[in-house]
Amino acid sequence: LGGRLVGMSPIAATVITLLASLLIGLEASSLRRWTYARNGRPARDAVV
């Protein structure tokens, strides 16, 4: 919506969407761990 309001070009909108998706891919596991900890299931161990 913000891109359309400011008249952003389709290429710039695609780049911004890809960057947002990249951030989501990087932080998805952290959000999942945070949600489990918030719901009473904290991290108890780490395995490699």
All heavy atoms as atom14 arrays in JSON, in Angstrom:
{
  "sequence": "LGGRLVGMSPIAATVITLLASLLIGLEASSLRRWTYARNGRPARDAVV",
  "atom14_mask": [
    [1, 1, 1, 1, 1, 1, 1, 1, 0, 0, 0, 0, 0, 0],
    [1, 1, 1, 1, 0, 0, 0, 0, 0, 0, 0, 0, 0, 0],
    [1, 1, 1, 1, 0, 0, 0, 0, 0, 0, 0, 0, 0, 0],
    [1, 1, 1, 1, 1, 1, 1, 1, 1, 1, 1, 0, 0, 0],
    [1, 1, 1, 1, 1, 1, 1, 1, 0, 0, 0, 0, 0, 0],
    [1, 1, 1, 1, 1, 1, 1, 0, 0, 0, 0, 0, 0, 0],
    [1, 1, 1, 1, 0, 0, 0, 0, 0, 0, 0, 0, 0, 0],
    [1, 1, 1, 1, 1, 1, 1, 1, 0, 0, 0, 0, 0, 0],
    [1, 1, 1, 1, 1, 1, 0, 0, 0, 0, 0, 0, 0, 0],
    [1, 1, 1, 1, 1, 1, 1, 0, 0, 0, 0, 0, 0, 0],
    [1, 1, 1, 1, 1, 1, 1, 1, 0, 0, 0, 0, 0, 0],
    [1, 1, 1, 1, 1, 0, 0, 0, 0, 0, 0, 0, 0, 0],
    [1, 1, 1, 1, 1, 0, 0, 0, 0, 0, 0, 0, 0, 0],
    [1, 1, 1, 1, 1, 1, 1, 0, 0, 0, 0, 0, 0, 0],
    [1, 1, 1, 1, 1, 1, 1, 0, 0, 0, 0, 0, 0, 0],
    [1, 1, 1, 1, 1, 1, 1, 1, 0, 0, 0, 0, 0, 0],
    [1, 1, 1, 1, 1, 1, 1, 0, 0, 0, 0, 0, 0, 0],
    [1, 1, 1, 1, 1, 1, 1, 1, 0, 0, 0, 0, 0, 0],
    [1, 1, 1, 1, 1, 1, 1, 1, 0, 0, 0, 0, 0, 0],
    [1, 1, 1, 1, 1, 0, 0, 0, 0, 0, 0, 0, 0, 0],
    [1, 1, 1, 1, 1, 1, 0, 0, 0, 0, 0, 0, 0, 0],
    [1, 1, 1, 1, 1, 1, 1, 1, 0, 0, 0, 0, 0, 0],
    [1, 1, 1, 1, 1, 1, 1, 1, 0, 0, 0, 0, 0, 0],
    [1, 1, 1, 1, 1, 1, 1, 1, 0, 0, 0, 0, 0, 0],
    [1, 1, 1, 1, 0, 0, 0, 0, 0, 0, 0, 0, 0, 0],
    [1, 1, 1, 1, 1, 1, 1, 1, 0, 0, 0, 0, 0, 0],
    [1, 1, 1, 1, 1, 1, 1, 1, 1, 0, 0, 0, 0, 0],
    [1, 1, 1, 1, 1, 0, 0, 0, 0, 0, 0, 0, 0, 0],
    [1, 1, 1, 1, 1, 1, 0, 0, 0, 0, 0, 0, 0, 0],
    [1, 1, 1, 1, 1, 1, 0, 0, 0, 0, 0, 0, 0, 0],
    [1, 1, 1, 1, 1, 1, 1, 1, 0, 0, 0, 0, 0, 0],
    [1, 1, 1, 1, 1, 1, 1, 1, 1, 1, 1, 0, 0, 0],
    [1, 1, 1, 1, 1, 1, 1, 1, 1, 1, 1, 0, 0, 0],
    [1, 1, 1, 1, 1, 1, 1, 1, 1, 1, 1, 1, 1, 1],
    [1, 1, 1, 1, 1, 1, 1, 0, 0, 0, 0, 0, 0, 0],
    [1, 1, 1, 1, 1, 1, 1, 1, 1, 1, 1, 1, 0, 0],
    [1, 1, 1, 1, 1, 0, 0, 0, 0, 0, 0, 0, 0, 0],
    [1, 1, 1, 1, 1, 1, 1, 1, 1, 1, 1, 0, 0, 0],
    [1, 1, 1, 1, 1, 1, 1, 1, 0, 0, 0, 0, 0, 0],
    [1, 1, 1, 1, 0, 0, 0, 0, 0, 0, 0, 0, 0, 0],
    [1, 1, 1, 1, 1, 1, 1, 1, 1, 1, 1, 0, 0, 0],
    [1, 1, 1, 1, 1, 1, 1, 0, 0, 0, 0, 0, 0, 0],
    [1, 1, 1, 1, 1, 0, 0, 0, 0, 0, 0, 0, 0, 0],
    [1, 1, 1, 1, 1, 1, 1, 1, 1, 1, 1, 0, 0, 0],
    [1, 1, 1, 1, 1, 1, 1, 1, 0, 0, 0, 0, 0, 0],
    [1, 1, 1, 1, 1, 0, 0, 0, 0, 0, 0, 0, 0, 0],
    [1, 1, 1, 1, 1, 1, 1, 0, 0, 0, 0, 0, 0, 0],
    [1, 1, 1, 1, 1, 1, 1, 0, 0, 0, 0, 0, 0, 0]
  ],
  "atom14_positions": [
    [[0.82, -1.21, 0.0], [0.0, 0.0, 0.0], [0.86, 1.26, 0.0], [0.6, 2.2, -0.75], [-0.94, -0.02, 1.2], [-1.92, 1.14, 1.31], [-2.87, 1.12, 0.13], [-2.69, 1.06, 2.61], [0.0, 0.0, 0.0], [0.0, 0.0, 0.0], [0.0, 0.0, 0.0], [0.0, 0.0, 0.0], [0.0, 0.0, 0.0], [0.0, 0.0, 0.0]],
    [[1.9, 1.26, 0.81], [2.81, 2.42, 0.85], [3.51, 2.64, -0.47], [3.69, 3.78, -0.9], [0.0, 0.0, 0.0], [0.0, 0.0, 0.0], [0.0, 0.0, 0.0], [0.0, 0.0, 0.0], [0.0, 0.0, 0.0], [0.0, 0.0, 0.0], [0.0, 0.0, 0.0], [0.0, 0.0, 0.0], [0.0, 0.0, 0.0], [0.0, 0.0, 0.0]],
    [[3.91, 1.57, -1.13], [4.56, 1.69, -2.43], [3.63, 2.27, -3.48], [4.04, 3.09, -4.3], [0.0, 0.0, 0.0], [0.0, 0.0, 0.0], [0.0, 0.0, 0.0], [0.0, 0.0, 0.0], [0.0, 0.0, 0.0], [0.0, 0.0, 0.0], [0.0, 0.0, 0.0], [0.0, 0.0, 0.0], [0.0, 0.0, 0.0], [0.0, 0.0, 0.0]],
    [[2.37, 1.87, -3.44], [1.42, 2.42, -4.41], [1.1, 3.88, -4.12], [0.9, 4.66, -5.06], [0.14, 1.59, -4.41], [0.35, 0.25, -5.05], [-0.95, -0.48, -5.21], [-0.66, -1.82, -5.66], [-1.1, -2.31, -6.79], [-1.85, -1.56, -7.58], [-0.82, -3.52, -7.14], [0.0, 0.0, 0.0], [0.0, 0.0, 0.0], [0.0, 0.0, 0.0]],
    [[1.04, 4.24, -2.84], [0.72, 5.63, -2.49], [1.81, 6.59, -2.92], [1.52, 7.72, -3.32], [0.48, 5.76, -0.98], [-0.85, 5.2, -0.47], [-0.91, 5.3, 1.04], [-2.02, 5.93, -1.1], [0.0, 0.0, 0.0], [0.0, 0.0, 0.0], [0.0, 0.0, 0.0], [0.0, 0.0, 0.0], [0.0, 0.0, 0.0], [0.0, 0.0, 0.0]],
    [[3.07, 6.18, -2.84], [4.16, 7.08, -3.22], [4.55, 6.92, -4.69], [5.47, 7.59, -5.15], [5.4, 6.89, -2.32], [5.09, 7.21, -0.88], [5.98, 5.5, -2.44], [0.0, 0.0, 0.0], [0.0, 0.0, 0.0], [0.0, 0.0, 0.0], [0.0, 0.0, 0.0], [0.0, 0.0, 0.0], [0.0, 0.0, 0.0], [0.0, 0.0, 0.0]],
    [[3.85, 6.05, -5.42], [4.13, 5.88, -6.84], [5.44, 5.18, -7.13], [6.15, 5.52, -8.07], [0.0, 0.0, 0.0], [0.0, 0.0, 0.0], [0.0, 0.0, 0.0], [0.0, 0.0, 0.0], [0.0, 0.0, 0.0], [0.0, 0.0, 0.0], [0.0, 0.0, 0.0], [0.0, 0.0, 0.0], [0.0, 0.0, 0.0], [0.0, 0.0, 0.0]],
    [[5.77, 4.17, -6.32], [7.02, 3.45, -6.47], [7.0, 2.61, -7.76], [5.97, 2.07, -8.13], [7.22, 2.54, -5.26], [8.58, 1.93, -5.16], [8.73, 0.92, -3.68], [8.51, 2.12, -2.39], [0.0, 0.0, 0.0], [0.0, 0.0, 0.0], [0.0, 0.0, 0.0], [0.0, 0.0, 0.0], [0.0, 0.0, 0.0], [0.0, 0.0, 0.0]],
    [[8.13, 2.52, -8.4], [8.23, 1.71, -9.62], [8.1, 0.23, -9.27], [8.44, -0.18, -8.16], [9.56, 1.97, -10.33], [10.61, 1.38, -9.59], [0.0, 0.0, 0.0], [0.0, 0.0, 0.0], [0.0, 0.0, 0.0], [0.0, 0.0, 0.0], [0.0, 0.0, 0.0], [0.0, 0.0, 0.0], [0.0, 0.0, 0.0], [0.0, 0.0, 0.0]],
    [[7.63, -0.6, -10.19], [7.48, -2.03, -9.91], [8.8, -2.7, -9.54], [8.82, -3.63, -8.72], [6.92, -2.6, -11.21], [6.28, -1.45, -11.9], [7.06, -0.23, -11.5], [0.0, 0.0, 0.0], [0.0, 0.0, 0.0], [0.0, 0.0, 0.0], [0.0, 0.0, 0.0], [0.0, 0.0, 0.0], [0.0, 0.0, 0.0], [0.0, 0.0, 0.0]],
    [[9.9, -2.26, -10.12], [11.21, -2.86, -9.8], [11.59, -2.55, -8.35], [12.03, -3.44, -7.61], [12.29, -2.37, -10.78], [11.98, -2.89, -12.18], [13.67, -2.82, -10.33], [12.87, -2.33, -13.25], [0.0, 0.0, 0.0], [0.0, 0.0, 0.0], [0.0, 0.0, 0.0], [0.0, 0.0, 0.0], [0.0, 0.0, 0.0], [0.0, 0.0, 0.0]],
    [[11.41, -1.31, -7.93], [11.72, -0.94, -6.55], [10.81, -1.68, -5.57], [11.26, -2.13, -4.5], [11.6, 0.57, -6.37], [0.0, 0.0, 0.0], [0.0, 0.0, 0.0], [0.0, 0.0, 0.0], [0.0, 0.0, 0.0], [0.0, 0.0, 0.0], [0.0, 0.0, 0.0], [0.0, 0.0, 0.0], [0.0, 0.0, 0.0], [0.0, 0.0, 0.0]],
    [[9.53, -1.82, -5.91], [8.59, -2.55, -5.05], [9.01, -4.02, -4.92], [8.93, -4.6, -3.83], [7.18, -2.43, -5.6], [0.0, 0.0, 0.0], [0.0, 0.0, 0.0], [0.0, 0.0, 0.0], [0.0, 0.0, 0.0], [0.0, 0.0, 0.0], [0.0, 0.0, 0.0], [0.0, 0.0, 0.0], [0.0, 0.0, 0.0], [0.0, 0.0, 0.0]],
    [[9.46, -4.6, -6.03], [9.9, -6.0, -6.0], [11.14, -6.16, -5.13], [11.24, -7.1, -4.34], [10.2, -6.5, -7.43], [9.02, -6.35, -8.22], [10.64, -7.94, -7.43], [0.0, 0.0, 0.0], [0.0, 0.0, 0.0], [0.0, 0.0, 0.0], [0.0, 0.0, 0.0], [0.0, 0.0, 0.0], [0.0, 0.0, 0.0], [0.0, 0.0, 0.0]],
    [[12.08, -5.23, -5.24], [13.31, -5.29, -4.43], [12.97, -5.15, -2.95], [13.49, -5.9, -2.11], [14.31, -4.2, -4.87], [15.45, -4.06, -3.88], [14.85, -4.51, -6.25], [0.0, 0.0, 0.0], [0.0, 0.0, 0.0], [0.0, 0.0, 0.0], [0.0, 0.0, 0.0], [0.0, 0.0, 0.0], [0.0, 0.0, 0.0], [0.0, 0.0, 0.0]],
    [[12.08, -4.23, -2.61], [11.71, -4.03, -1.2], [10.98, -5.26, -0.67], [11.22, -5.7, 0.46], [10.86, -2.76, -1.05], [11.77, -1.55, -1.26], [10.2, -2.7, 0.31], [11.06, -0.22, -1.25], [0.0, 0.0, 0.0], [0.0, 0.0, 0.0], [0.0, 0.0, 0.0], [0.0, 0.0, 0.0], [0.0, 0.0, 0.0], [0.0, 0.0, 0.0]],
    [[10.11, -5.85, -1.48], [9.41, -7.07, -1.06], [10.38, -8.23, -0.86], [10.26, -8.99, 0.1], [8.32, -7.45, -2.08], [7.44, -6.34, -2.26], [7.54, -8.65, -1.64], [0.0, 0.0, 0.0], [0.0, 0.0, 0.0], [0.0, 0.0, 0.0], [0.0, 0.0, 0.0], [0.0, 0.0, 0.0], [0.0, 0.0, 0.0], [0.0, 0.0, 0.0]],
    [[11.36, -8.36, -1.75], [12.37, -9.42, -1.59], [13.22, -9.2, -0.33], [13.55, -10.16, 0.37], [13.27, -9.49, -2.82], [12.66, -10.21, -4.03], [13.59, -10.09, -5.24], [12.39, -11.66, -3.71], [0.0, 0.0, 0.0], [0.0, 0.0, 0.0], [0.0, 0.0, 0.0], [0.0, 0.0, 0.0], [0.0, 0.0, 0.0], [0.0, 0.0, 0.0]],
    [[13.55, -7.94, -0.05], [14.31, -7.65, 1.18], [13.49, -7.96, 2.42], [14.02, -8.49, 3.41], [14.78, -6.2, 1.18], [15.88, -5.85, 0.19], [16.16, -4.35, 0.19], [17.15, -6.63, 0.51], [0.0, 0.0, 0.0], [0.0, 0.0, 0.0], [0.0, 0.0, 0.0], [0.0, 0.0, 0.0], [0.0, 0.0, 0.0], [0.0, 0.0, 0.0]],
    [[12.2, -7.64, 2.39], [11.33, -7.97, 3.53], [11.22, -9.49, 3.68], [11.27, -10.01, 4.81], [9.95, -7.35, 3.34], [0.0, 0.0, 0.0], [0.0, 0.0, 0.0], [0.0, 0.0, 0.0], [0.0, 0.0, 0.0], [0.0, 0.0, 0.0], [0.0, 0.0, 0.0], [0.0, 0.0, 0.0], [0.0, 0.0, 0.0], [0.0, 0.0, 0.0]],
    [[11.11, -10.21, 2.57], [11.05, -11.67, 2.63], [12.37, -12.26, 3.13], [12.37, -13.26, 3.86], [10.72, -12.25, 1.25], [9.43, -11.86, 0.86], [0.0, 0.0, 0.0], [0.0, 0.0, 0.0], [0.0, 0.0, 0.0], [0.0, 0.0, 0.0], [0.0, 0.0, 0.0], [0.0, 0.0, 0.0], [0.0, 0.0, 0.0], [0.0, 0.0, 0.0]],
    [[13.47, -11.65, 2.77], [14.78, -12.08, 3.27], [14.85, -11.91, 4.79], [15.31, -12.82, 5.5], [15.9, -11.28, 2.59], [17.32, -11.61, 2.97], [17.68, -13.01, 2.48], [18.28, -10.6, 2.39], [0.0, 0.0, 0.0], [0.0, 0.0, 0.0], [0.0, 0.0, 0.0], [0.0, 0.0, 0.0], [0.0, 0.0, 0.0], [0.0, 0.0, 0.0]],
    [[14.38, -10.79, 5.29], [14.35, -10.57, 6.74], [13.45, -11.6, 7.42], [13.8, -12.13, 8.48], [13.86, -9.15, 7.04], [13.73, -8.79, 8.51], [15.1, -8.8, 9.18], [13.07, -7.45, 8.66], [0.0, 0.0, 0.0], [0.0, 0.0, 0.0], [0.0, 0.0, 0.0], [0.0, 0.0, 0.0], [0.0, 0.0, 0.0], [0.0, 0.0, 0.0]],
    [[12.32, -11.91, 6.81], [11.41, -12.91, 7.37], [12.1, -14.27, 7.41], [12.03, -14.99, 8.41], [10.11, -12.97, 6.55], [9.3, -11.69, 6.78], [9.28, -14.19, 6.9], [8.17, -11.48, 5.81], [0.0, 0.0, 0.0], [0.0, 0.0, 0.0], [0.0, 0.0, 0.0], [0.0, 0.0, 0.0], [0.0, 0.0, 0.0], [0.0, 0.0, 0.0]],
    [[12.8, -14.65, 6.34], [13.52, -15.92, 6.32], [14.62, -16.0, 7.36], [14.88, -17.06, 7.94], [0.0, 0.0, 0.0], [0.0, 0.0, 0.0], [0.0, 0.0, 0.0], [0.0, 0.0, 0.0], [0.0, 0.0, 0.0], [0.0, 0.0, 0.0], [0.0, 0.0, 0.0], [0.0, 0.0, 0.0], [0.0, 0.0, 0.0], [0.0, 0.0, 0.0]],
    [[15.27, -14.87, 7.62], [16.33, -14.85, 8.63], [15.79, -14.94, 10.06], [16.41, -15.53, 10.93], [17.17, -13.57, 8.48], [18.1, -13.51, 7.29], [18.66, -12.1, 7.12], [19.23, -14.51, 7.45], [0.0, 0.0, 0.0], [0.0, 0.0, 0.0], [0.0, 0.0, 0.0], [0.0, 0.0, 0.0], [0.0, 0.0, 0.0], [0.0, 0.0, 0.0]],
    [[14.65, -14.32, 10.31], [14.14, -14.23, 11.68], [13.02, -15.21, 12.01], [12.52, -15.21, 13.13], [13.65, -12.79, 11.94], [14.75, -11.77, 11.94], [15.8, -12.04, 13.0], [15.45, -12.5, 14.11], [16.98, -11.81, 12.73], [0.0, 0.0, 0.0], [0.0, 0.0, 0.0], [0.0, 0.0, 0.0], [0.0, 0.0, 0.0], [0.0, 0.0, 0.0]],
    [[12.59, -16.04, 11.06], [11.46, -16.94, 11.29], [11.73, -17.91, 12.45], [10.87, -18.11, 13.31], [11.13, -17.7, 10.02], [0.0, 0.0, 0.0], [0.0, 0.0, 0.0], [0.0, 0.0, 0.0], [0.0, 0.0, 0.0], [0.0, 0.0, 0.0], [0.0, 0.0, 0.0], [0.0, 0.0, 0.0], [0.0, 0.0, 0.0], [0.0, 0.0, 0.0]],
    [[12.89, -18.51, 12.49], [13.21, -19.46, 13.56], [13.26, -18.77, 14.91], [12.82, -19.33, 15.92], [14.53, -20.16, 13.29], [14.44, -20.94, 12.13], [0.0, 0.0, 0.0], [0.0, 0.0, 0.0], [0.0, 0.0, 0.0], [0.0, 0.0, 0.0], [0.0, 0.0, 0.0], [0.0, 0.0, 0.0], [0.0, 0.0, 0.0], [0.0, 0.0, 0.0]],
    [[13.78, -17.55, 14.95], [13.83, -16.81, 16.21], [12.43, -16.47, 16.7], [12.15, -16.54, 17.9], [14.64, -15.52, 16.03], [15.97, -15.82, 15.72], [0.0, 0.0, 0.0], [0.0, 0.0, 0.0], [0.0, 0.0, 0.0], [0.0, 0.0, 0.0], [0.0, 0.0, 0.0], [0.0, 0.0, 0.0], [0.0, 0.0, 0.0], [0.0, 0.0, 0.0]],
    [[11.54, -16.1, 15.78], [10.15, -15.83, 16.16], [9.48, -17.1, 16.68], [8.69, -17.06, 17.63], [9.37, -15.27, 14.98], [9.61, -13.79, 14.68], [8.98, -13.42, 13.35], [9.06, -12.93, 15.79], [0.0, 0.0, 0.0], [0.0, 0.0, 0.0], [0.0, 0.0, 0.0], [0.0, 0.0, 0.0], [0.0, 0.0, 0.0], [0.0, 0.0, 0.0]],
    [[9.8, -18.2, 16.08], [9.24, -19.48, 16.53], [9.73, -19.83, 17.93], [8.94, -20.23, 18.8], [9.63, -20.56, 15.53], [8.86, -21.82, 15.66], [9.12, -22.71, 14.47], [8.65, -24.05, 14.77], [9.12, -25.12, 14.2], [10.05, -25.04, 13.28], [8.66, -26.3, 14.52], [0.0, 0.0, 0.0], [0.0, 0.0, 0.0], [0.0, 0.0, 0.0]],
    [[11.03, -19.66, 18.18], [11.58, -19.92, 19.52], [10.98, -18.98, 20.55], [10.66, -19.37, 21.67], [13.11, -19.8, 19.5], [13.8, -21.01, 18.99], [15.29, -20.94, 19.24], [15.93, -19.84, 18.55], [16.31, -19.88, 17.28], [16.11, -20.96, 16.57], [16.88, -18.84, 16.72], [0.0, 0.0, 0.0], [0.0, 0.0, 0.0], [0.0, 0.0, 0.0]],
    [[10.83, -17.7, 20.18], [10.27, -16.71, 21.1], [8.84, -17.08, 21.46], [8.43, -16.97, 22.61], [10.34, -15.33, 20.46], [9.68, -14.27, 21.26], [10.16, -13.66, 22.38], [8.39, -13.69, 21.01], [9.25, -12.74, 22.84], [8.16, -12.75, 22.02], [7.42, -13.89, 20.03], [6.99, -12.0, 22.07], [6.27, -13.15, 20.09], [6.06, -12.21, 21.1]],
    [[8.07, -17.52, 20.48], [6.67, -17.89, 20.73], [6.59, -19.1, 21.65], [5.76, -19.14, 22.57], [5.95, -18.17, 19.4], [6.01, -17.01, 18.59], [4.5, -18.55, 19.63], [0.0, 0.0, 0.0], [0.0, 0.0, 0.0], [0.0, 0.0, 0.0], [0.0, 0.0, 0.0], [0.0, 0.0, 0.0], [0.0, 0.0, 0.0], [0.0, 0.0, 0.0]],
    [[7.44, -20.1, 21.43], [7.44, -21.26, 22.32], [7.81, -20.86, 23.74], [7.2, -21.32, 24.7], [8.4, -22.34, 21.82], [7.86, -23.14, 20.67], [8.63, -23.37, 19.54], [6.59, -23.69, 20.7], [8.15, -24.1, 18.47], [6.1, -24.42, 19.64], [6.88, -24.62, 18.54], [6.4, -25.35, 17.49], [0.0, 0.0, 0.0], [0.0, 0.0, 0.0]],
    [[8.8, -20.0, 23.9], [9.2, -19.57, 25.24], [8.08, -18.77, 25.91], [7.84, -18.92, 27.11], [10.47, -18.73, 25.16], [0.0, 0.0, 0.0], [0.0, 0.0, 0.0], [0.0, 0.0, 0.0], [0.0, 0.0, 0.0], [0.0, 0.0, 0.0], [0.0, 0.0, 0.0], [0.0, 0.0, 0.0], [0.0, 0.0, 0.0], [0.0, 0.0, 0.0]],
    [[7.39, -17.95, 25.14], [6.3, -17.14, 25.69], [5.13, -18.02, 26.11], [4.41, -17.7, 27.05], [5.85, -16.13, 24.62], [4.89, -15.08, 25.09], [4.63, -14.07, 24.01], [4.23, -14.67, 22.75], [2.97, -14.83, 22.37], [1.99, -14.42, 23.13], [2.69, -15.38, 21.21], [0.0, 0.0, 0.0], [0.0, 0.0, 0.0], [0.0, 0.0, 0.0]],
    [[4.95, -19.15, 25.45], [3.85, -20.06, 25.76], [4.24, -21.16, 26.75], [3.58, -22.18, 26.82], [3.32, -20.7, 24.47], [2.61, -19.69, 23.6], [2.08, -18.71, 24.09], [2.61, -19.92, 22.31], [0.0, 0.0, 0.0], [0.0, 0.0, 0.0], [0.0, 0.0, 0.0], [0.0, 0.0, 0.0], [0.0, 0.0, 0.0], [0.0, 0.0, 0.0]],
    [[5.32, -20.96, 27.49], [5.7, -21.92, 28.53], [6.49, -23.11, 28.04], [6.5, -24.15, 28.69], [0.0, 0.0, 0.0], [0.0, 0.0, 0.0], [0.0, 0.0, 0.0], [0.0, 0.0, 0.0], [0.0, 0.0, 0.0], [0.0, 0.0, 0.0], [0.0, 0.0, 0.0], [0.0, 0.0, 0.0], [0.0, 0.0, 0.0], [0.0, 0.0, 0.0]],
    [[7.16, -22.98, 26.91], [8.0, -24.06, 26.39], [9.38, -23.5, 26.07], [9.75, -23.39, 24.9], [7.37, -24.67, 25.16], [6.0, -25.23, 25.43], [5.41, -25.74, 24.19], [5.77, -27.15, 24.13], [5.5, -27.92, 23.13], [4.91, -27.46, 22.08], [5.82, -29.18, 23.15], [0.0, 0.0, 0.0], [0.0, 0.0, 0.0], [0.0, 0.0, 0.0]],
    [[10.16, -23.16, 27.08], [11.48, -22.55, 26.8], [12.46, -23.55, 26.2], [12.25, -24.76, 26.26], [11.94, -22.11, 28.19], [11.25, -23.06, 29.12], [9.93, -23.37, 28.5], [0.0, 0.0, 0.0], [0.0, 0.0, 0.0], [0.0, 0.0, 0.0], [0.0, 0.0, 0.0], [0.0, 0.0, 0.0], [0.0, 0.0, 0.0], [0.0, 0.0, 0.0]],
    [[13.51, -23.03, 25.62], [14.58, -23.88, 25.08], [15.29, -24.54, 26.25], [15.78, -23.86, 27.14], [15.53, -23.05, 24.25], [0.0, 0.0, 0.0], [0.0, 0.0, 0.0], [0.0, 0.0, 0.0], [0.0, 0.0, 0.0], [0.0, 0.0, 0.0], [0.0, 0.0, 0.0], [0.0, 0.0, 0.0], [0.0, 0.0, 0.0], [0.0, 0.0, 0.0]],
    [[15.36, -25.86, 26.23], [15.97, -26.59, 27.32], [17.33, -27.16, 26.96], [18.11, -27.54, 27.82], [15.06, -27.75, 27.74], [13.67, -27.34, 28.17], [13.65, -26.63, 29.5], [14.09, -27.47, 30.56], [13.29, -28.18, 31.34], [12.01, -28.14, 31.16], [13.79, -28.92, 32.3], [0.0, 0.0, 0.0], [0.0, 0.0, 0.0], [0.0, 0.0, 0.0]],
    [[17.6, -27.25, 25.65], [18.87, -27.83, 25.21], [19.11, -27.39, 23.77], [18.19, -26.93, 23.09], [18.79, -29.35, 25.28], [20.17, -30.01, 25.28], [21.18, -29.27, 25.24], [20.24, -31.26, 25.3], [0.0, 0.0, 0.0], [0.0, 0.0, 0.0], [0.0, 0.0, 0.0], [0.0, 0.0, 0.0], [0.0, 0.0, 0.0], [0.0, 0.0, 0.0]],
    [[20.33, -27.5, 23.33], [20.7, -27.21, 21.94], [21.55, -28.36, 21.44], [22.41, -28.88, 22.15], [21.47, -25.91, 21.84], [0.0, 0.0, 0.0], [0.0, 0.0, 0.0], [0.0, 0.0, 0.0], [0.0, 0.0, 0.0], [0.0, 0.0, 0.0], [0.0, 0.0, 0.0], [0.0, 0.0, 0.0], [0.0, 0.0, 0.0], [0.0, 0.0, 0.0]],
    [[21.27, -28.78, 20.21], [21.96, -29.92, 19.61], [22.5, -29.5, 18.25], [21.82, -28.79, 17.51], [21.01, -31.11, 19.4], [21.78, -32.4, 19.28], [19.97, -31.22, 20.47], [0.0, 0.0, 0.0], [0.0, 0.0, 0.0], [0.0, 0.0, 0.0], [0.0, 0.0, 0.0], [0.0, 0.0, 0.0], [0.0, 0.0, 0.0], [0.0, 0.0, 0.0]],
    [[23.69, -29.94, 17.92], [24.28, -29.68, 16.61], [24.22, -30.98, 15.82], [24.71, -32.02, 16.27], [25.74, -29.19, 16.73], [26.36, -28.99, 15.37], [25.79, -27.91, 17.55], [0.0, 0.0, 0.0], [0.0, 0.0, 0.0], [0.0, 0.0, 0.0], [0.0, 0.0, 0.0], [0.0, 0.0, 0.0], [0.0, 0.0, 0.0], [0.0, 0.0, 0.0]]
  ]
}
